[in-house]
């Protein structure tokens, strides 16, 4: 199991983070990756002060990814055709879809 997250904005623009099942938490077929400013997050984005210490979770359940906000102050958003949609409950996210944590845009990229 592996995934790539590409940072699409900010000082780390273009950086690709390669994560596998040694990262995050694996329970059965479910895999969770934490995102935030704290060093112990699986995806640490310390250069964006609009990101909470524990901001969001990317969770893979079976073949589907979900994005979930952890009650962050500045929100988590997914790109939609009309406007950016704030994530208030876990929402499905497809490989290639852009999402924003604080002011940083990211893209989920499957490697399988």
Protein backbone atom coordinates (compact mmCIF):
# COMPACT_ATOMS: atom_id res chain seq x y z
CA UNK A 1 0.00 0.00 0.00
CA UNK A 2 1.43 3.36 -1.01
CA UNK A 3 0.36 6.88 -1.88
CA UNK A 4 1.99 10.09 -3.04
CA UNK A 5 0.93 13.54 -1.91
CA UNK A 6 2.19 16.42 -4.03
CA UNK A 7 2.38 19.86 -2.46
CA UNK A 8 1.00 22.30 -5.03
CA UNK A 9 1.68 25.69 -3.40
CA UNK A 10 3.83 27.54 -0.89
CA UNK A 11 7.53 27.12 -0.14
CA UNK A 12 7.35 23.35 -0.72
CA UNK A 13 5.59 23.67 -4.11
CA UNK A 14 6.37 20.60 -6.23
CA UNK A 15 7.54 18.44 -3.32
CA UNK A 16 6.23 14.86 -3.55
CA UNK A 17 5.75 12.98 -0.28
CA UNK A 18 5.86 9.20 -0.74
CA UNK A 19 4.09 7.33 2.04
CA UNK A 20 3.54 3.63 2.54
CA UNK A 21 2.00 1.39 5.18
CA UNK A 22 4.96 2.02 7.51
CA UNK A 23 3.56 5.57 7.79
CA UNK A 24 0.30 6.38 9.51
CA UNK A 25 -1.92 3.87 11.20
CA UNK A 26 -3.01 0.64 9.53
CA UNK A 27 -6.01 -1.22 10.98
CA UNK A 28 -7.11 -4.12 8.79
CA UNK A 29 -7.67 -2.64 5.33
CA UNK A 30 -8.10 0.91 6.67
CA UNK A 31 -5.12 3.26 6.55
CA UNK A 32 -5.06 6.70 8.17
CA UNK A 33 -2.54 9.51 7.65
CA UNK A 34 -2.55 12.59 9.87
CA UNK A 35 -1.86 16.09 8.50
CA UNK A 36 -0.83 19.12 10.54
CA UNK A 37 1.96 21.40 11.74
CA UNK A 38 3.14 19.15 14.57
CA UNK A 39 6.28 17.13 13.85
CA UNK A 40 4.63 13.82 14.76
CA UNK A 41 2.02 14.07 11.97
CA UNK A 42 2.49 11.73 9.02
CA UNK A 43 2.34 14.77 6.73
CA UNK A 44 3.94 17.71 8.54
CA UNK A 45 3.35 21.12 6.93
CA UNK A 46 5.16 23.39 9.36
CA UNK A 47 5.65 26.33 6.95
CA UNK A 48 1.93 27.27 6.80
CA UNK A 49 0.84 29.10 9.96
CA UNK A 50 -2.83 28.68 8.90
CA UNK A 51 -2.55 24.94 9.52
CA UNK A 52 -3.52 23.61 12.93
CA UNK A 53 -1.21 21.34 14.89
CA UNK A 54 -3.58 18.43 14.17
CA UNK A 55 -5.51 19.64 11.12
CA UNK A 56 -6.90 16.75 9.05
CA UNK A 57 -6.86 13.03 8.32
CA UNK A 58 -6.60 11.22 5.00
CA UNK A 59 -8.17 7.79 5.39
CA UNK A 60 -8.19 4.93 2.90
CA UNK A 61 -11.06 2.49 3.37
CA UNK A 62 -10.88 -0.34 0.87
CA UNK A 63 -10.19 1.33 -2.48
CA UNK A 64 -11.63 4.75 -1.53
CA UNK A 65 -9.84 7.71 0.07
CA UNK A 66 -11.65 10.08 2.44
CA UNK A 67 -10.59 13.51 3.73
CA UNK A 68 -11.66 14.58 7.20
CA UNK A 69 -11.12 17.86 9.05
CA UNK A 70 -10.13 17.55 12.73
CA UNK A 71 -11.90 20.70 13.91
CA UNK A 72 -9.23 23.03 12.54
CA UNK A 73 -9.63 26.79 12.88
CA UNK A 74 -8.99 27.64 9.20
CA UNK A 75 -10.66 24.64 7.61
CA UNK A 76 -10.01 21.94 5.08
CA UNK A 77 -11.30 22.32 1.51
CA UNK A 78 -11.64 20.23 -1.64
CA UNK A 79 -11.63 21.67 -5.13
CA UNK A 80 -14.96 21.37 -6.94
CA UNK A 81 -16.02 22.72 -10.37
CA UNK A 82 -18.06 25.57 -8.85
CA UNK A 83 -16.07 26.65 -5.78
CA UNK A 84 -13.89 25.20 -3.06
CA UNK A 85 -16.05 23.18 -0.67
CA UNK A 86 -15.32 23.18 3.05
CA UNK A 87 -14.97 19.71 4.53
CA UNK A 88 -17.32 19.37 7.51
CA UNK A 89 -17.74 15.58 7.47
CA UNK A 90 -15.50 12.92 5.90
CA UNK A 91 -15.74 13.32 2.11
CA UNK A 92 -14.52 10.99 -0.64
CA UNK A 93 -11.49 12.25 -2.52
CA UNK A 94 -10.19 10.83 -5.78
CA UNK A 95 -6.58 10.58 -6.95
CA UNK A 96 -5.73 13.77 -8.83
CA UNK A 97 -8.21 15.89 -6.87
CA UNK A 98 -6.81 19.01 -5.22
CA UNK A 99 -7.47 19.79 -1.57
CA UNK A 100 -6.40 22.64 0.70
CA UNK A 101 -5.15 22.47 4.27
CA UNK A 102 -4.82 25.99 5.70
CA UNK A 103 -3.38 27.89 2.71
CA UNK A 104 -1.49 24.92 1.23
CA UNK A 105 -2.86 23.09 -1.82
CA UNK A 106 -2.11 19.38 -2.11
CA UNK A 107 -2.93 16.59 -4.57
CA UNK A 108 -3.50 12.92 -3.80
CA UNK A 109 -1.70 10.61 -6.23
CA UNK A 110 -2.03 6.82 -6.08
CA UNK A 111 1.11 4.83 -6.82
CA UNK A 112 -0.63 1.48 -7.26
